Amino acid sequence: MLNVGIIGCGGIGRLHANAYSKVKDANLCALIDTDIGRAEALAAEFGGTAYLSIDDVREKLDLVSVVTPPAAHFHIVMDLLSRGIAVFCEKPLTMDVSQAKAIEKRSNETKIPVGIGFKMRYEPIFQRAKELVPELGKIFAVSAVKNQPFDDDPNRQWIKKTGCMYELSVHDYDLIHWILNTEPAAVRAELDYSLGWERENQAYLTVDYFGGIKGQLMSSYSIGTVWTGYDLALSFVGENGYMRIERPDRIVMNTKDYRVETVEPLGGMDVFVVQMQSFIDKVLKKEPYFPNAADGALNTILVEAANRAHREKKRVLLNDM
């Protein structure tokens, strides 16, 4: 049994609390937030004690979820690692390359696991896509189109400081790396700031992956649209044909024959339960967990390379970051 805490008790923090209340071998005992009212609300619903700071926590914690806005991740994660506590950090790991690399280095040195919240790896449609991709043979190209609605809810203003790449598309970038077992080598990018945000509201990336794979990746927020769940179309083209994934429940295969597979999605918040159970199991068994700090750092490097490519109007090598 692991004593578990959560730092950051907003909407996603609630999803983590719900997950910990349903998994095996987790004792949710500390809800931590600078807004004590939010921590108390989660404690009342899911159990545990509300705290303003981890320094106030009376229990010995084994694992902590970090579910704050991304800009706060670095110092919190590094502090937890210094305390010998396993970390599950929501994506993005950080929004700074040097910070991401520092977390990866510290996790490797201390052997303390850092899991990253790339929960889409646990969605059945992408699990199935990873099983099917070998049918395509050698992969030539990948495309991703991601769009979600944005409203001006006061609780979502932090998205304007995060941007669509870190908030929306690091999931997609990570899926490509995981499904194809590859990494990006270079990127060109055009970013759009037409909504007047601090960070981009649209991003268009051309990515060169190792293995000669070409990528065209687009992500955007839309104003005035509604959430339907169908927010991502991800396509892989190979020597034997193509696969098109339409999240959350449809895969089109056009290879030696044509077929459409319907994949039953996990309902509601269940993907968080599956994700957190997997992390807890690995921590207890002292086995490696993926996605880890290296996966988180890779996606930070890709996004920051895209930002640099946009600013400097040139192709950027990720090894130069």
Protein backbone atom coordinates (compact mmCIF):
# COMPACT_ATOMS: atom_id res chain seq x y z
CA MET A 1 0.00 0.00 0.00
CA LEU A 2 1.30 3.43 -1.00
CA ASN A 3 0.48 6.66 0.81
CA VAL A 4 -0.51 9.08 -1.93
CA GLY A 5 -0.75 12.86 -2.15
CA ILE A 6 -1.95 15.29 -4.78
CA ILE A 7 -0.49 18.76 -5.28
CA GLY A 8 -2.98 20.88 -7.19
CA CYS A 9 -6.67 20.32 -6.45
CA GLY A 10 -8.38 21.81 -9.51
CA GLY A 11 -10.29 19.96 -12.21
CA ILE A 12 -7.54 17.53 -13.23
CA GLY A 13 -6.56 17.09 -9.60
CA ARG A 14 -10.09 15.87 -9.00
CA LEU A 15 -9.64 13.27 -11.77
CA HIS A 16 -6.50 12.03 -10.04
CA ALA A 17 -8.28 11.89 -6.68
CA ASN A 18 -11.12 9.91 -8.23
CA ALA A 19 -8.63 7.50 -9.79
CA TYR A 20 -6.75 6.95 -6.53
CA SER A 21 -10.04 6.24 -4.79
CA LYS A 22 -10.67 3.35 -7.21
CA VAL A 23 -7.28 1.71 -7.72
CA LYS A 24 -5.69 -0.99 -5.59
CA ASP A 25 -2.83 -0.32 -3.17
CA ALA A 26 -3.34 3.44 -2.88
CA ASN A 27 -4.16 5.32 0.30
CA LEU A 28 -5.04 8.90 -0.65
CA CYS A 29 -4.04 10.80 2.46
CA ALA A 30 -2.93 14.34 1.46
CA LEU A 31 -4.66 16.93 -0.75
CA ILE A 32 -2.39 19.96 -1.13
CA ASP A 33 -3.26 23.33 -2.66
CA THR A 34 -2.47 26.97 -2.00
CA ASP A 35 -6.27 27.42 -2.09
CA ILE A 36 -7.18 25.43 1.01
CA GLY A 37 -10.85 25.46 0.05
CA ARG A 38 -10.14 23.43 -3.08
CA ALA A 39 -8.08 20.93 -1.11
CA GLU A 40 -10.82 20.64 1.51
CA ALA A 41 -13.43 20.01 -1.17
CA LEU A 42 -11.45 17.06 -2.58
CA ALA A 43 -10.74 15.72 0.90
CA ALA A 44 -14.45 15.81 1.71
CA GLU A 45 -15.28 13.92 -1.47
CA PHE A 46 -12.46 11.37 -1.66
CA GLY A 47 -10.95 11.21 1.83
CA GLY A 48 -7.61 12.34 3.15
CA THR A 49 -6.58 15.62 4.76
CA ALA A 50 -6.32 19.06 3.17
CA TYR A 51 -3.02 20.93 3.45
CA LEU A 52 -1.63 24.25 2.22
CA SER A 53 1.90 22.87 1.76
CA ILE A 54 3.69 19.55 1.56
CA ASP A 55 5.73 20.74 4.55
CA ASP A 56 2.55 20.50 6.62
CA VAL A 57 1.77 16.89 5.71
CA ARG A 58 1.87 14.59 8.73
CA GLU A 59 1.89 11.28 6.87
CA LYS A 60 4.93 9.80 5.13
CA LEU A 61 4.13 10.00 1.41
CA ASP A 62 5.29 7.39 -1.09
CA LEU A 63 3.83 8.91 -4.25
CA VAL A 64 2.56 12.37 -5.22
CA SER A 65 0.64 13.54 -8.28
CA VAL A 66 1.68 16.99 -9.48
CA VAL A 67 -1.37 18.60 -11.06
CA THR A 68 -0.54 22.31 -10.94
CA PRO A 69 -0.26 24.67 -13.93
CA PRO A 70 2.82 23.64 -15.97
CA ALA A 71 4.98 26.60 -14.98
CA ALA A 72 5.07 25.30 -11.40
CA HIS A 73 6.02 21.69 -12.22
CA PHE A 74 9.80 21.98 -12.12
CA HIS A 75 10.34 23.16 -8.55
CA ILE A 76 7.64 20.88 -7.15
CA VAL A 77 8.96 17.77 -8.93
CA MET A 78 12.55 18.46 -7.94
CA ASP A 79 11.50 19.01 -4.31
CA LEU A 80 9.60 15.71 -4.29
CA LEU A 81 12.58 13.85 -5.73
CA SER A 82 14.81 15.37 -3.04
CA ARG A 83 12.39 13.93 -0.46
CA GLY A 84 12.61 10.46 -2.03
CA ILE A 85 8.98 10.51 -3.21
CA ALA A 86 7.84 8.92 -6.49
CA VAL A 87 6.22 11.49 -8.78
CA PHE A 88 3.39 11.34 -11.26
CA CYS A 89 3.49 14.65 -13.15
CA GLU A 90 0.74 15.81 -15.46
CA LYS A 91 1.88 16.83 -18.91
CA PRO A 92 3.80 18.81 -19.94
CA LEU A 93 6.70 17.88 -17.69
CA THR A 94 7.99 21.46 -17.97
CA MET A 95 7.96 24.28 -20.52
CA ASP A 96 11.74 24.73 -20.35
CA VAL A 97 14.33 22.40 -21.90
CA SER A 98 16.98 22.79 -19.20
CA GLN A 99 14.41 22.11 -16.48
CA ALA A 100 13.10 19.01 -18.27
CA LYS A 101 16.61 17.65 -18.68
CA ALA A 102 17.37 18.37 -15.01
CA ILE A 103 14.33 16.36 -13.88
CA GLU A 104 15.28 13.47 -16.16
CA LYS A 105 18.84 13.53 -14.82
CA ARG A 106 17.73 13.65 -11.17
CA SER A 107 15.24 10.80 -11.67
CA ASN A 108 17.96 8.67 -13.29
CA GLU A 109 20.49 9.47 -10.55
CA THR A 110 18.13 8.78 -7.65
CA LYS A 111 16.29 5.86 -9.30
CA ILE A 112 13.06 7.54 -8.16
CA PRO A 113 10.38 7.14 -10.84
CA VAL A 114 8.74 10.09 -12.55
CA GLY A 115 5.65 9.14 -14.53
CA ILE A 116 4.12 11.54 -17.06
CA GLY A 117 0.40 12.00 -17.69
CA PHE A 118 0.30 11.00 -21.35
CA LYS A 119 -2.96 9.23 -20.63
CA MET A 120 -3.88 8.72 -24.29
CA ARG A 121 -1.44 5.76 -24.39
CA TYR A 122 -4.03 4.01 -22.23
CA GLU A 123 -7.02 4.69 -24.47
CA PRO A 124 -8.12 1.46 -26.19
CA ILE A 125 -8.11 3.00 -29.67
CA PHE A 126 -4.40 3.82 -29.48
CA GLN A 127 -3.53 0.52 -27.84
CA ARG A 128 -5.22 -1.15 -30.81
CA ALA A 129 -3.47 1.15 -33.30
CA LYS A 130 -0.09 0.13 -31.90
CA GLU A 131 -1.05 -3.51 -32.49
CA LEU A 132 -2.12 -2.79 -36.08
CA VAL A 133 0.71 -0.54 -37.25
CA PRO A 134 3.03 -3.45 -38.27
CA GLU A 135 0.52 -4.26 -41.05
CA LEU A 136 1.65 -1.06 -42.77
CA GLY A 137 5.23 -2.26 -43.22
CA LYS A 138 7.87 0.46 -43.45
CA ILE A 139 6.36 3.79 -42.36
CA PHE A 140 6.84 6.78 -44.66
CA ALA A 141 4.69 9.50 -43.12
CA VAL A 142 2.39 10.52 -40.28
CA SER A 143 -0.18 13.29 -39.99
CA ALA A 144 -2.11 14.59 -37.00
CA VAL A 145 -4.99 17.05 -36.88
CA LYS A 146 -6.11 18.10 -33.39
CA ASN A 147 -8.81 20.63 -32.55
CA GLN A 148 -10.68 21.42 -29.37
CA PRO A 149 -13.11 24.19 -28.41
CA PHE A 150 -12.05 26.98 -26.07
CA ASP A 151 -14.31 29.12 -23.95
CA ASP A 152 -13.35 32.03 -21.73
CA ASP A 153 -14.11 30.22 -18.48
CA PRO A 154 -12.08 31.92 -15.71
CA ASN A 155 -10.75 28.50 -14.68
CA ARG A 156 -9.22 27.97 -18.14
CA GLN A 157 -7.26 31.20 -18.47
CA TRP A 158 -3.98 29.38 -17.77
CA ILE A 159 -4.33 27.73 -21.21
CA LYS A 160 -3.55 31.11 -22.78
CA LYS A 161 -0.16 30.97 -21.06
CA THR A 162 0.41 27.33 -22.04
CA GLY A 163 -0.57 27.19 -25.72
CA CYS A 164 -2.03 24.50 -27.91
CA MET A 165 1.20 22.52 -28.32
CA TYR A 166 1.74 21.93 -24.61
CA GLU A 167 -1.92 21.62 -23.67
CA LEU A 168 -3.32 19.74 -26.67
CA SER A 169 -0.68 18.21 -28.86
CA VAL A 170 2.04 16.86 -26.59
CA HIS A 171 -0.40 13.95 -26.28
CA ASP A 172 -0.34 13.49 -30.06
CA TYR A 173 3.42 13.93 -30.31
CA ASP A 174 3.90 11.32 -27.59
CA LEU A 175 1.52 8.89 -29.31
CA ILE A 176 3.53 9.11 -32.52
CA HIS A 177 6.80 8.42 -30.68
CA TRP A 178 5.23 5.49 -28.82
CA ILE A 179 3.24 3.88 -31.63
CA LEU A 180 6.10 4.10 -34.14
CA ASN A 181 8.95 3.65 -31.65
CA THR A 182 10.74 6.65 -33.09
CA GLU A 183 11.87 10.14 -32.10
CA PRO A 184 11.88 13.51 -33.87
CA ALA A 185 15.17 14.67 -35.34
CA ALA A 186 14.25 18.11 -36.71
CA VAL A 187 11.28 20.45 -36.99
CA ARG A 188 9.97 23.44 -38.92
CA ALA A 189 7.01 25.34 -37.50
CA GLU A 190 4.50 28.12 -38.07
CA LEU A 191 2.59 29.29 -35.01
CA ASP A 192 -0.52 31.46 -34.88
CA TYR A 193 -1.36 34.00 -32.16
CA SER A 194 -4.53 35.43 -33.68
CA LEU A 195 -6.53 35.02 -30.45
CA GLY A 196 -4.14 37.36 -28.66
CA TRP A 197 -2.83 34.78 -26.19
CA GLU A 198 0.61 34.79 -24.59
CA ARG A 199 1.22 31.42 -26.31
CA GLU A 200 0.07 30.04 -29.66
CA ASN A 201 -3.54 29.07 -30.30
CA GLN A 202 -2.62 27.18 -33.50
CA ALA A 203 0.52 25.27 -34.46
CA TYR A 204 1.66 23.73 -37.76
CA LEU A 205 4.72 21.48 -37.51
CA THR A 206 6.72 19.69 -40.18
CA VAL A 207 8.77 17.04 -38.41
CA ASP A 208 11.59 14.80 -39.62
CA TYR A 209 11.65 11.59 -37.58
CA PHE A 210 14.44 9.06 -37.38
CA GLY A 211 13.92 6.25 -39.87
CA GLY A 212 13.09 8.66 -42.69
CA ILE A 213 9.51 9.29 -41.51
CA LYS A 214 7.94 12.65 -42.38
CA GLY A 215 5.33 14.28 -40.16
CA GLN A 216 2.71 16.98 -40.70
CA LEU A 217 1.18 17.93 -37.33
CA MET A 218 -1.53 20.53 -36.77
CA SER A 219 -3.24 21.58 -33.58
CA SER A 220 -5.67 24.38 -32.84
CA TYR A 221 -8.27 25.81 -30.51
CA SER A 222 -11.61 26.95 -31.90
CA ILE A 223 -13.95 29.57 -30.48
CA GLY A 224 -17.66 28.90 -30.41
CA THR A 225 -17.56 25.17 -31.18
CA VAL A 226 -18.80 22.36 -28.96
CA TRP A 227 -16.98 19.36 -27.50
CA THR A 228 -17.92 16.12 -29.25
CA GLY A 229 -15.03 13.83 -28.28
CA TYR A 230 -13.90 13.55 -31.92
CA ASP A 231 -10.92 15.86 -31.56
CA LEU A 232 -8.03 13.99 -33.21
CA ALA A 233 -7.42 12.33 -36.56
CA LEU A 234 -4.06 10.54 -36.69
CA SER A 235 -2.87 8.84 -39.89
CA PHE A 236 0.11 6.62 -40.67
CA VAL A 237 1.21 5.88 -44.25
CA GLY A 238 3.41 2.88 -44.99
CA GLU A 239 4.58 0.72 -47.85
CA ASN A 240 1.48 -1.49 -47.53
CA GLY A 241 -1.14 1.24 -47.22
CA TYR A 242 -2.45 3.50 -44.50
CA MET A 243 -4.15 3.55 -41.12
CA ARG A 244 -6.40 6.41 -40.01
CA ILE A 245 -7.31 6.73 -36.34
CA GLU A 246 -10.34 8.81 -35.41
CA ARG A 247 -10.43 9.31 -31.67
CA PRO A 248 -12.19 7.99 -29.67
CA ASP A 249 -13.54 4.88 -31.39
CA ARG A 250 -12.78 4.33 -35.11
CA ILE A 251 -9.80 2.96 -37.04
CA VAL A 252 -9.73 2.73 -40.83
CA MET A 253 -7.28 0.24 -42.36
CA ASN A 254 -6.58 0.40 -46.10
CA THR A 255 -3.89 -2.18 -46.85
CA LYS A 256 -4.37 -5.44 -48.78
CA ASP A 257 -8.05 -4.96 -47.99
CA TYR A 258 -10.23 -2.18 -46.58
CA ARG A 259 -11.82 -2.45 -43.18
CA VAL A 260 -13.12 -0.28 -40.39
CA GLU A 261 -12.67 -1.28 -36.76
CA THR A 262 -14.82 0.17 -33.99
CA VAL A 263 -13.01 0.27 -30.66
CA GLU A 264 -15.01 0.67 -27.48
CA PRO A 265 -13.59 3.66 -25.58
CA LEU A 266 -13.11 3.77 -21.85
CA GLY A 267 -15.98 5.62 -20.25
CA GLY A 268 -15.72 8.92 -18.44
CA MET A 269 -12.72 9.12 -16.16
CA ASP A 270 -11.74 5.45 -16.44
CA VAL A 271 -8.57 6.13 -18.44
CA PHE A 272 -7.14 7.93 -15.39
CA VAL A 273 -7.90 4.87 -13.27
CA VAL A 274 -6.09 2.55 -15.71
CA GLN A 275 -3.14 4.94 -15.95
CA MET A 276 -2.72 5.39 -12.20
CA GLN A 277 -3.10 1.66 -11.50
CA SER A 278 -0.30 0.96 -13.96
CA PHE A 279 1.99 3.51 -12.31
CA ILE A 280 1.26 2.23 -8.81
CA ASP A 281 1.92 -1.36 -9.89
CA LYS A 282 5.29 -0.41 -11.35
CA VAL A 283 6.30 1.60 -8.27
CA LEU A 284 5.43 -1.29 -5.96
CA LYS A 285 7.30 -3.80 -8.12
CA LYS A 286 10.22 -1.39 -8.64
CA GLU A 287 9.88 -1.85 -12.39
CA PRO A 288 10.39 0.84 -15.06
CA TYR A 289 7.30 2.86 -15.96
CA PHE A 290 6.63 4.48 -19.31
CA PRO A 291 5.96 7.26 -20.20
CA ASN A 292 8.69 8.54 -17.90
CA ALA A 293 10.78 11.66 -17.40
CA ALA A 294 12.71 11.01 -20.62
CA ASP A 295 9.45 10.91 -22.58
CA GLY A 296 8.33 14.12 -20.93
CA ALA A 297 11.64 15.81 -21.68
CA LEU A 298 11.56 14.71 -25.32
CA ASN A 299 8.23 16.40 -25.86
CA THR A 300 9.38 19.58 -24.14
CA ILE A 301 12.41 19.63 -26.43
CA LEU A 302 10.18 19.17 -29.49
CA VAL A 303 7.84 22.00 -28.51
CA GLU A 304 10.67 24.38 -27.70
CA ALA A 305 12.41 23.47 -30.97
CA ALA A 306 9.15 24.32 -32.74
CA ASN A 307 9.01 27.66 -30.93
CA ARG A 308 12.59 28.38 -32.00
CA ALA A 309 11.89 27.27 -35.57
CA HIS A 310 8.99 29.71 -35.75
CA ARG A 311 10.99 32.61 -34.29
CA GLU A 312 14.04 32.04 -36.46
CA LYS A 313 12.16 30.90 -39.57
CA LYS A 314 14.37 27.86 -40.05
CA ARG A 315 14.60 24.11 -39.56
CA VAL A 316 15.82 23.28 -36.05
CA LEU A 317 17.63 20.12 -35.03
CA LEU A 318 16.48 18.73 -31.69
CA ASN A 319 20.10 17.84 -30.83
CA ASP A 320 20.80 21.58 -30.86
CA MET A 321 18.31 22.26 -28.09
